[in-house]
């Protein structure tokens, strides 16, 4: 599924030439690689939460391109995307075999960037998506939905990770 998102992100990048979409390509292909190597889940989320998680992963693909944004705004958006996707990349590597789209209990990662930020991937996505709202104010609608979905995913992950494996 993430490879499919990556192909679509490449199409969006080709359309818009926005760095945000090109970085989504790398995110999706890297996630696809780690999904092939991931550990089996000890506890999984509900079907509803799984669907919300995939919607959350796809939401950044819906952002509108620039509507004649000034070069400085495009530059700020690119800088936010680069810094935040580096954070996402680092978090992905640190998660390794524990990565997943829908919340599941595999192995709790509390080292590296996860020592300082509980959900570095979501933080990176939210901040990079702020850049997309600067590029086109119409993206504020998608930003609100996307941020809400990240919040629900984070809460579901915390709930699943705090459950006993006997439940």
Protein backbone atom coordinates (compact mmCIF):
# COMPACT_ATOMS: atom_id res chain seq x y z
CA UNK A 1 0.00 0.00 0.00
CA UNK A 2 2.78 2.46 0.91
CA UNK A 3 4.55 1.79 -2.39
CA UNK A 4 1.30 2.75 -4.13
CA UNK A 5 1.24 5.95 -2.07
CA UNK A 6 4.84 6.52 -3.15
CA UNK A 7 3.94 6.21 -6.83
CA UNK A 8 1.08 8.66 -6.37
CA UNK A 9 3.37 11.03 -4.44
CA UNK A 10 5.79 10.91 -7.39
CA UNK A 11 2.92 11.84 -9.71
CA UNK A 12 2.00 14.76 -7.39
CA UNK A 13 5.63 15.90 -7.35
CA UNK A 14 5.76 15.73 -11.15
CA UNK A 15 2.60 17.87 -11.28
CA UNK A 16 3.60 20.49 -8.72
CA UNK A 17 7.42 20.34 -8.44
CA UNK A 18 6.96 20.85 -4.67
CA UNK A 19 9.70 19.27 -2.61
CA UNK A 20 7.09 18.13 -0.07
CA UNK A 21 5.73 15.55 -2.51
CA UNK A 22 9.18 14.31 -3.53
CA UNK A 23 9.99 13.73 0.14
CA UNK A 24 6.71 11.81 0.49
CA UNK A 25 8.00 9.48 -2.24
CA UNK A 26 11.05 8.67 -0.13
CA UNK A 27 8.89 8.31 3.01
CA UNK A 28 6.57 5.84 1.33
CA UNK A 29 9.28 3.70 -0.28
CA UNK A 30 11.31 3.62 2.94
CA UNK A 31 8.20 2.63 4.87
CA UNK A 32 7.48 -0.09 2.31
CA UNK A 33 10.99 -1.49 2.81
CA UNK A 34 10.68 -1.54 6.59
CA UNK A 35 7.20 -3.09 6.39
CA UNK A 36 8.72 -6.09 4.64
CA UNK A 37 11.07 -6.57 7.58
CA UNK A 38 8.74 -5.75 10.47
CA UNK A 39 7.98 -7.93 13.45
CA UNK A 40 4.57 -9.52 13.85
CA UNK A 41 2.18 -7.52 16.03
CA UNK A 42 1.41 -8.83 19.49
CA UNK A 43 -1.71 -6.65 19.72
CA UNK A 44 -3.43 -4.98 16.77
CA UNK A 45 -5.82 -2.06 16.51
CA UNK A 46 -9.43 -2.28 15.42
CA UNK A 47 -10.45 -2.22 11.77
CA UNK A 48 -11.80 1.30 12.26
CA UNK A 49 -8.47 2.51 13.62
CA UNK A 50 -6.61 0.75 10.80
CA UNK A 51 -8.75 2.58 8.23
CA UNK A 52 -8.16 5.90 10.00
CA UNK A 53 -4.42 5.21 10.04
CA UNK A 54 -4.30 4.57 6.29
CA UNK A 55 -6.40 7.70 5.67
CA UNK A 56 -3.88 9.60 7.78
CA UNK A 57 -0.98 8.24 5.72
CA UNK A 58 -2.71 9.20 2.47
CA UNK A 59 -3.91 12.64 3.57
CA UNK A 60 -0.68 14.55 2.68
CA UNK A 61 -1.12 13.42 -0.93
CA UNK A 62 -4.25 15.59 -1.17
CA UNK A 63 -2.60 18.94 -0.48
CA UNK A 64 -3.03 21.61 -3.13
CA UNK A 65 -0.04 23.09 -4.88
CA UNK A 66 1.02 26.71 -4.71
CA UNK A 67 -1.27 29.49 -5.81
CA UNK A 68 1.45 31.93 -6.83
CA UNK A 69 3.11 31.89 -3.43
CA UNK A 70 6.09 34.22 -3.06
CA UNK A 71 9.53 32.62 -3.38
CA UNK A 72 10.22 33.19 0.32
CA UNK A 73 7.09 31.24 1.26
CA UNK A 74 8.10 28.39 -1.04
CA UNK A 75 11.59 28.48 0.49
CA UNK A 76 10.21 28.32 4.05
CA UNK A 77 7.93 25.44 3.01
CA UNK A 78 10.89 23.57 1.52
CA UNK A 79 13.03 24.12 4.63
CA UNK A 80 10.22 22.86 6.88
CA UNK A 81 9.76 19.83 4.64
CA UNK A 82 13.48 18.99 4.59
CA UNK A 83 13.99 19.32 8.34
CA UNK A 84 10.81 17.52 9.25
CA UNK A 85 11.24 14.68 6.78
CA UNK A 86 14.75 14.18 8.15
CA UNK A 87 13.09 13.77 11.55
CA UNK A 88 10.60 11.31 10.03
CA UNK A 89 13.42 9.41 8.31
CA UNK A 90 15.40 9.16 11.53
CA UNK A 91 12.31 7.95 13.41
CA UNK A 92 11.60 5.38 10.68
CA UNK A 93 15.12 4.00 10.89
CA UNK A 94 14.97 3.86 14.69
CA UNK A 95 11.64 2.05 14.60
CA UNK A 96 13.02 -0.49 12.15
CA UNK A 97 11.10 -3.75 12.53
CA UNK A 98 8.56 -2.09 14.85
CA UNK A 99 7.14 0.19 12.16
CA UNK A 100 3.50 0.07 11.17
CA UNK A 101 0.75 2.20 9.72
CA UNK A 102 -2.05 1.15 12.00
CA UNK A 103 -1.36 1.11 15.73
CA UNK A 104 -0.02 -2.25 16.90
CA UNK A 105 2.10 -3.57 19.71
CA UNK A 106 5.46 -4.79 18.49
CA UNK A 107 8.39 -3.41 20.42
CA UNK A 108 8.42 -0.14 22.33
CA UNK A 109 11.20 2.12 21.05
CA UNK A 110 12.41 4.61 23.64
CA UNK A 111 15.93 5.36 22.47
CA UNK A 112 17.33 7.89 20.02
CA UNK A 113 14.85 10.54 18.96
CA UNK A 114 12.10 8.62 20.76
CA UNK A 115 13.85 9.44 24.03
CA UNK A 116 12.97 13.13 23.54
CA UNK A 117 9.84 13.09 21.38
CA UNK A 118 7.12 10.51 21.94
CA UNK A 119 5.81 10.66 18.36
CA UNK A 120 8.55 12.14 16.16
CA UNK A 121 6.98 10.95 12.92
CA UNK A 122 3.69 12.67 13.61
CA UNK A 123 5.50 15.80 14.83
CA UNK A 124 7.52 15.84 11.61
CA UNK A 125 4.46 15.36 9.43
CA UNK A 126 2.47 18.06 11.20
CA UNK A 127 5.25 20.65 10.99
CA UNK A 128 6.01 19.87 7.34
CA UNK A 129 2.31 20.15 6.55
CA UNK A 130 2.33 23.63 8.12
CA UNK A 131 4.59 24.51 5.19
CA UNK A 132 1.95 23.29 2.79
CA UNK A 133 -0.65 25.53 4.42
CA UNK A 134 1.72 28.46 3.87
CA UNK A 135 2.00 27.55 0.19
CA UNK A 136 -1.77 27.44 -0.25
CA UNK A 137 -4.19 28.56 2.50
CA UNK A 138 -6.84 26.18 1.12
CA UNK A 139 -4.68 23.38 2.58
CA UNK A 140 -5.75 24.45 6.07
CA UNK A 141 -8.77 22.15 5.69
CA UNK A 142 -6.55 19.14 4.95
CA UNK A 143 -4.14 20.19 7.69
CA UNK A 144 -6.91 20.15 10.29
CA UNK A 145 -8.09 16.68 9.24
CA UNK A 146 -4.55 15.32 8.95
CA UNK A 147 -3.49 16.66 12.36
CA UNK A 148 -6.62 15.23 13.94
CA UNK A 149 -5.91 11.82 12.44
CA UNK A 150 -2.32 11.91 13.74
CA UNK A 151 -3.68 12.74 17.19
CA UNK A 152 -6.08 9.76 17.09
CA UNK A 153 -3.31 7.46 15.85
CA UNK A 154 -0.99 8.59 18.64
CA UNK A 155 -3.67 8.00 21.29
CA UNK A 156 -4.45 4.55 19.88
CA UNK A 157 -0.75 3.65 19.84
CA UNK A 158 -0.32 4.70 23.45
CA UNK A 159 -3.36 2.65 24.43
CA UNK A 160 -2.15 -0.45 22.59
CA UNK A 161 1.42 -0.13 23.82
CA UNK A 162 0.22 0.15 27.42
CA UNK A 163 -1.85 -3.05 27.23
CA UNK A 164 -0.56 -6.30 28.57
CA UNK A 165 0.22 -9.01 26.02
CA UNK A 166 -2.23 -11.25 27.90
CA UNK A 167 -5.20 -9.02 26.92
